[in-house]
């Protein structure tokens, strides 16, 4: 919580000084997180064996 308050304070100080970095750094972080999330989803879909029911937790034989 203190880190969030400090980040907000630094953002406001940078905005008052009209610093380019105060906008560029958060935008870079958002783009980096979005790219990492997209890579993770794509990788997960690429390596998934869609024809193997064991990957989905479905049994071939029902319990009796």
Protein backbone atom coordinates (compact mmCIF):
# COMPACT_ATOMS: atom_id res chain seq x y z
CA UNK A 1 0.00 0.00 0.00
CA UNK A 2 2.84 2.36 0.78
CA UNK A 3 4.43 1.46 -2.55
CA UNK A 4 1.25 2.44 -4.37
CA UNK A 5 1.15 5.79 -2.59
CA UNK A 6 4.81 6.39 -3.42
CA UNK A 7 4.24 5.49 -7.08
CA UNK A 8 1.28 7.90 -7.24
CA UNK A 9 3.35 10.65 -5.62
CA UNK A 10 6.22 10.12 -8.06
CA UNK A 11 3.76 10.09 -10.97
CA UNK A 12 2.20 13.37 -9.86
CA UNK A 13 5.60 15.03 -9.32
CA UNK A 14 6.70 13.90 -12.78
CA UNK A 15 3.46 15.12 -14.33
CA UNK A 16 3.89 18.55 -12.74
CA UNK A 17 7.40 18.74 -14.21
CA UNK A 18 5.95 17.67 -17.59
CA UNK A 19 8.38 14.78 -17.78
CA UNK A 20 8.15 12.46 -20.79
CA UNK A 21 9.18 9.47 -18.65
CA UNK A 22 6.13 9.81 -16.41
CA UNK A 23 3.96 8.75 -19.36
CA UNK A 24 6.43 6.51 -21.20
CA UNK A 25 7.28 4.19 -18.30
CA UNK A 26 3.68 3.19 -17.38
CA UNK A 27 2.77 2.80 -21.06
CA UNK A 28 5.85 0.59 -21.56
CA UNK A 29 4.84 -1.50 -18.52
CA UNK A 30 1.29 -1.96 -19.81
CA UNK A 31 2.51 -2.95 -23.27
CA UNK A 32 5.06 -5.36 -21.77
CA UNK A 33 2.45 -7.04 -19.57
CA UNK A 34 0.01 -7.30 -22.48
CA UNK A 35 2.69 -8.79 -24.72
CA UNK A 36 3.74 -11.30 -22.07
CA UNK A 37 0.12 -12.32 -21.53
CA UNK A 38 -0.40 -12.74 -25.27
CA UNK A 39 2.79 -14.82 -25.57
CA UNK A 40 1.72 -17.03 -22.65
CA UNK A 41 -1.74 -17.66 -24.11
CA UNK A 42 -0.30 -18.36 -27.56
CA UNK A 43 2.35 -20.71 -26.19
CA UNK A 44 -0.23 -22.55 -24.09
CA UNK A 45 -2.48 -23.00 -27.12
CA UNK A 46 0.43 -24.10 -29.32
CA UNK A 47 1.69 -26.86 -27.01
CA UNK A 48 -1.75 -28.16 -25.98
CA UNK A 49 -2.61 -31.60 -27.35
CA UNK A 50 -6.22 -30.91 -28.27
CA UNK A 51 -6.93 -34.55 -29.19
CA UNK A 52 -5.82 -36.06 -25.88
CA UNK A 53 -8.75 -36.29 -23.43
CA UNK A 54 -6.35 -36.76 -20.51
CA UNK A 55 -5.44 -33.09 -20.85
CA UNK A 56 -9.02 -32.14 -20.08
CA UNK A 57 -9.56 -34.47 -17.11
CA UNK A 58 -12.15 -36.59 -18.93
CA UNK A 59 -12.10 -40.32 -18.28
CA UNK A 60 -12.70 -42.71 -21.18
CA UNK A 61 -14.46 -45.15 -18.85
CA UNK A 62 -17.14 -43.90 -16.46
CA UNK A 63 -17.00 -44.92 -12.81
CA UNK A 64 -19.51 -47.63 -11.94
